[in-house]
Amino acid sequence: MSDYRLSEDPSDLDLDHVVRWISTDAYWAKGRTAEVVERSFANSVPVGLYASDGQQVAVARIVSDMATFAWLCDVYVDREHRGRGLGTMLANWTVEWAGRHGIKRVVLATVDAHGVYAKAGFVKVAHPERWMEIDTRPPFG
């Protein structure tokens, strides 16, 4: 992990990379416009991971009221850097970030990375019957 630098500074983000990753390769967001991706990161708490050469290799963002609730989303690790624990590093950062802000509830959604998030302490929602949603996105495919 020491080969990677984590930054919470939004000015460090390579938004061209982020837009490409999220809008063309992330199963949950394919087709999102550059404007929507940029706006979502501008209105969230972003984090980036950077290789020793300075190239951004991963990204995530938190949506939060900064008091009681945080949602970890748009977690993406560049395909060439997967399998090195970077997703777990981002999940651990989220838990630490929430702790620094006194936030007691952090949620996320994933189709296939439950094991990654479990390493940081995430578990299935205790009372799924309490949760509701409106989701007008097309099905993932």
C-alpha atoms as a PDB file:
ATOM      1  CA  MET A   1       0.000   0.000   0.000  1.00  0.00           C
ATOM      2  CA  SER A   2       2.911   2.357   0.581  1.00  0.00           C
ATOM      3  CA  ASP A   3       3.224   2.717  -3.199  1.00  0.00           C
ATOM      4  CA  TYR A   4      -0.023   4.700  -3.208  1.00  0.00           C
ATOM      5  CA  ARG A   5      -0.888   8.128  -1.849  1.00  0.00           C
ATOM      6  CA  LEU A   6      -4.394   8.962  -0.657  1.00  0.00           C
ATOM      7  CA  SER A   7      -5.633  12.528  -1.031  1.00  0.00           C
ATOM      8  CA  GLU A   8      -8.843  14.171   0.155  1.00  0.00           C
ATOM      9  CA  ASP A   9      -7.975  17.326  -1.795  1.00  0.00           C
ATOM     10  CA  PRO A  10     -10.537  17.755  -4.606  1.00  0.00           C
ATOM     11  CA  SER A  11      -8.007  19.744  -6.638  1.00  0.00           C
ATOM     12  CA  ASP A  12      -5.855  16.590  -6.922  1.00  0.00           C
ATOM     13  CA  LEU A  13      -8.589  14.722  -8.823  1.00  0.00           C
ATOM     14  CA  ASP A  14      -7.947  13.958 -12.478  1.00  0.00           C
ATOM     15  CA  LEU A  15     -11.534  14.598 -13.531  1.00  0.00           C
ATOM     16  CA  ASP A  16     -10.882  13.373 -17.078  1.00  0.00           C
ATOM     17  CA  HIS A  17      -9.969   9.958 -15.641  1.00  0.00           C
ATOM     18  CA  VAL A  18     -12.848  10.035 -13.176  1.00  0.00           C
ATOM     19  CA  VAL A  19     -15.411  10.906 -15.857  1.00  0.00           C
ATOM     20  CA  ARG A  20     -14.111   8.181 -18.169  1.00  0.00           C
ATOM     21  CA  TRP A  21     -14.079   5.540 -15.416  1.00  0.00           C
ATOM     22  CA  ILE A  22     -17.515   6.352 -14.046  1.00  0.00           C
ATOM     23  CA  SER A  23     -19.350   7.009 -17.307  1.00  0.00           C
ATOM     24  CA  THR A  24     -17.873   4.226 -19.444  1.00  0.00           C
ATOM     25  CA  ASP A  25     -16.782   1.386 -17.151  1.00  0.00           C
ATOM     26  CA  ALA A  26     -18.672   1.563 -13.843  1.00  0.00           C
ATOM     27  CA  TYR A  27     -21.664  -0.799 -14.136  1.00  0.00           C
ATOM     28  CA  TRP A  28     -23.814   1.454 -11.933  1.00  0.00           C
ATOM     29  CA  ALA A  29     -23.224   4.632 -13.938  1.00  0.00           C
ATOM     30  CA  LYS A  30     -22.544   3.808 -17.580  1.00  0.00           C
ATOM     31  CA  GLY A  31     -23.767   6.655 -19.715  1.00  0.00           C
ATOM     32  CA  ARG A  32     -23.624   9.345 -17.023  1.00  0.00           C
ATOM     33  CA  THR A  33     -22.654  12.570 -18.694  1.00  0.00           C
ATOM     34  CA  ALA A  34     -19.414  14.353 -17.883  1.00  0.00           C
ATOM     35  CA  GLU A  35     -21.435  17.236 -16.451  1.00  0.00           C
ATOM     36  CA  VAL A  36     -23.298  14.936 -14.054  1.00  0.00           C
ATOM     37  CA  VAL A  37     -20.109  13.152 -12.934  1.00  0.00           C
ATOM     38  CA  GLU A  38     -18.310  16.456 -12.373  1.00  0.00           C
ATOM     39  CA  ARG A  39     -21.274  17.940 -10.484  1.00  0.00           C
ATOM     40  CA  SER A  40     -21.615  14.836  -8.304  1.00  0.00           C
ATOM     41  CA  PHE A  41     -17.962  15.012  -7.264  1.00  0.00           C
ATOM     42  CA  ALA A  42     -18.095  18.793  -6.759  1.00  0.00           C
ATOM     43  CA  ASN A  43     -20.975  18.347  -4.306  1.00  0.00           C
ATOM     44  CA  SER A  44     -19.489  15.416  -2.386  1.00  0.00           C
ATOM     45  CA  VAL A  45     -16.413  14.590  -0.349  1.00  0.00           C
ATOM     46  CA  PRO A  46     -14.050  12.974  -2.869  1.00  0.00           C
ATOM     47  CA  VAL A  47     -10.932  10.931  -2.317  1.00  0.00           C
ATOM     48  CA  GLY A  48      -8.329   9.830  -4.812  1.00  0.00           C
ATOM     49  CA  LEU A  49      -5.558   7.259  -4.736  1.00  0.00           C
ATOM     50  CA  TYR A  50      -2.399   8.038  -6.681  1.00  0.00           C
ATOM     51  CA  ALA A  51       0.472   5.833  -7.820  1.00  0.00           C
ATOM     52  CA  SER A  52       4.078   6.764  -7.042  1.00  0.00           C
ATOM     53  CA  ASP A  53       4.312   8.481 -10.437  1.00  0.00           C
ATOM     54  CA  GLY A  54       1.395  10.752  -9.460  1.00  0.00           C
ATOM     55  CA  GLN A  55      -1.160   9.141 -11.770  1.00  0.00           C
ATOM     56  CA  GLN A  56      -4.614   8.751 -10.252  1.00  0.00           C
ATOM     57  CA  VAL A  57      -5.538   5.067 -10.016  1.00  0.00           C
ATOM     58  CA  ALA A  58      -8.717   5.054  -7.895  1.00  0.00           C
ATOM     59  CA  VAL A  59     -11.511   7.296  -6.701  1.00  0.00           C
ATOM     60  CA  ALA A  60     -14.504   7.340  -4.370  1.00  0.00           C
ATOM     61  CA  ARG A  61     -16.851   9.899  -2.943  1.00  0.00           C
ATOM     62  CA  ILE A  62     -18.989  10.358   0.142  1.00  0.00           C
ATOM     63  CA  VAL A  63     -22.381  12.052   0.142  1.00  0.00           C
ATOM     64  CA  SER A  64     -23.126  13.289   3.648  1.00  0.00           C
ATOM     65  CA  ASP A  65     -25.017  15.735   5.819  1.00  0.00           C
ATOM     66  CA  MET A  66     -21.747  15.987   7.796  1.00  0.00           C
ATOM     67  CA  ALA A  67     -23.555  15.140  11.020  1.00  0.00           C
ATOM     68  CA  THR A  68     -25.498  11.866  11.037  1.00  0.00           C
ATOM     69  CA  PHE A  69     -25.250  10.042   7.708  1.00  0.00           C
ATOM     70  CA  ALA A  70     -22.777   9.199   4.956  1.00  0.00           C
ATOM     71  CA  TRP A  71     -23.130   7.236   1.737  1.00  0.00           C
ATOM     72  CA  LEU A  72     -20.013   5.807   0.111  1.00  0.00           C
ATOM     73  CA  CYS A  73     -20.425   5.703  -3.656  1.00  0.00           C
ATOM     74  CA  ASP A  74     -18.676   5.793  -7.019  1.00  0.00           C
ATOM     75  CA  VAL A  75     -15.808   3.658  -5.755  1.00  0.00           C
ATOM     76  CA  TYR A  76     -13.672   2.847  -8.764  1.00  0.00           C
ATOM     77  CA  VAL A  77     -10.202   1.283  -9.053  1.00  0.00           C
ATOM     78  CA  ASP A  78      -8.428   1.389 -12.413  1.00  0.00           C
ATOM     79  CA  ARG A  79      -8.366  -2.092 -13.945  1.00  0.00           C
ATOM     80  CA  GLU A  80      -4.544  -2.176 -14.006  1.00  0.00           C
ATOM     81  CA  HIS A  81      -4.389  -1.588 -10.243  1.00  0.00           C
ATOM     82  CA  ARG A  82      -7.090  -3.989  -9.043  1.00  0.00           C
ATOM     83  CA  GLY A  83      -6.204  -6.827  -6.697  1.00  0.00           C
ATOM     84  CA  ARG A  84      -3.816  -4.656  -4.644  1.00  0.00           C
ATOM     85  CA  GLY A  85      -6.156  -3.778  -1.784  1.00  0.00           C
ATOM     86  CA  LEU A  86      -7.043  -0.315  -3.047  1.00  0.00           C
ATOM     87  CA  GLY A  87     -10.794  -0.843  -2.696  1.00  0.00           C
ATOM     88  CA  THR A  88     -10.240  -1.895   0.903  1.00  0.00           C
ATOM     89  CA  MET A  89      -8.040   1.164   1.405  1.00  0.00           C
ATOM     90  CA  LEU A  90     -10.905   3.386   0.191  1.00  0.00           C
ATOM     91  CA  ALA A  91     -13.411   1.567   2.405  1.00  0.00           C
ATOM     92  CA  ASN A  92     -11.132   1.971   5.435  1.00  0.00           C
ATOM     93  CA  TRP A  93     -10.694   5.661   4.614  1.00  0.00           C
ATOM     94  CA  THR A  94     -14.487   6.025   4.615  1.00  0.00           C
ATOM     95  CA  VAL A  95     -14.789   4.487   8.071  1.00  0.00           C
ATOM     96  CA  GLU A  96     -11.984   6.703   9.384  1.00  0.00           C
ATOM     97  CA  TRP A  97     -13.481   9.789   7.734  1.00  0.00           C
ATOM     98  CA  ALA A  98     -16.887   9.111   9.300  1.00  0.00           C
ATOM     99  CA  GLY A  99     -15.242   8.614  12.686  1.00  0.00           C
ATOM    100  CA  ARG A 100     -13.416  11.942  12.423  1.00  0.00           C
ATOM    101  CA  HIS A 101     -16.768  13.641  11.792  1.00  0.00           C
ATOM    102  CA  GLY A 102     -18.722  11.761  14.463  1.00  0.00           C
ATOM    103  CA  ILE A 103     -20.973  10.159  11.848  1.00  0.00           C
ATOM    104  CA  LYS A 104     -22.535   6.949  13.126  1.00  0.00           C
ATOM    105  CA  ARG A 105     -24.187   5.585   9.946  1.00  0.00           C
ATOM    106  CA  VAL A 106     -22.401   4.874   6.668  1.00  0.00           C
ATOM    107  CA  VAL A 107     -24.086   2.981   3.851  1.00  0.00           C
ATOM    108  CA  LEU A 108     -23.107   1.750   0.419  1.00  0.00           C
ATOM    109  CA  ALA A 109     -24.461  -0.455  -2.330  1.00  0.00           C
ATOM    110  CA  THR A 110     -22.538  -3.056  -4.299  1.00  0.00           C
ATOM    111  CA  VAL A 111     -23.311  -5.912  -6.634  1.00  0.00           C
ATOM    112  CA  ASP A 112     -20.062  -7.841  -6.328  1.00  0.00           C
ATOM    113  CA  ALA A 113     -17.597  -6.370  -3.804  1.00  0.00           C
ATOM    114  CA  HIS A 114     -19.130  -7.367  -0.472  1.00  0.00           C
ATOM    115  CA  GLY A 115     -15.878  -8.980   0.668  1.00  0.00           C
ATOM    116  CA  VAL A 116     -13.900  -5.803   0.020  1.00  0.00           C
ATOM    117  CA  TYR A 117     -16.206  -3.722   2.188  1.00  0.00           C
ATOM    118  CA  ALA A 118     -16.535  -6.397   4.881  1.00  0.00           C
ATOM    119  CA  LYS A 119     -12.782  -6.009   5.537  1.00  0.00           C
ATOM    120  CA  ALA A 120     -13.532  -2.428   6.649  1.00  0.00           C
ATOM    121  CA  GLY A 121     -16.414  -3.511   8.893  1.00  0.00           C
ATOM    122  CA  PHE A 122     -19.411  -3.086   6.577  1.00  0.00           C
ATOM    123  CA  VAL A 123     -22.234  -5.611   7.067  1.00  0.00           C
ATOM    124  CA  LYS A 124     -25.616  -6.214   5.463  1.00  0.00           C
ATOM    125  CA  VAL A 125     -28.258  -3.663   6.397  1.00  0.00           C
ATOM    126  CA  ALA A 126     -29.686  -4.831   9.724  1.00  0.00           C
ATOM    127  CA  HIS A 127     -33.277  -3.899   8.923  1.00  0.00           C
ATOM    128  CA  PRO A 128     -33.766  -3.854   5.157  1.00  0.00           C
ATOM    129  CA  GLU A 129     -37.513  -3.706   5.704  1.00  0.00           C
ATOM    130  CA  ARG A 130     -37.053  -0.109   6.896  1.00  0.00           C
ATOM    131  CA  TRP A 131     -35.377   1.082   3.704  1.00  0.00           C
ATOM    132  CA  MET A 132     -37.230   2.324   0.655  1.00  0.00           C
ATOM    133  CA  GLU A 133     -36.108   3.923  -2.570  1.00  0.00           C
ATOM    134  CA  ILE A 134     -37.081   5.487  -5.844  1.00  0.00           C
ATOM    135  CA  ASP A 135     -34.742   4.305  -8.571  1.00  0.00           C
ATOM    136  CA  THR A 136     -35.577   5.302 -12.122  1.00  0.00           C
ATOM    137  CA  ARG A 137     -32.264   4.220 -13.632  1.00  0.00           C
ATOM    138  CA  PRO A 138     -32.340   1.548 -16.323  1.00  0.00           C
ATOM    139  CA  PRO A 139     -31.326  -1.912 -15.045  1.00  0.00           C
ATOM    140  CA  PHE A 140     -27.613  -2.615 -14.844  1.00  0.00           C
ATOM    141  CA  GLY A 141     -26.509  -4.547 -17.838  1.00  0.00           C
END
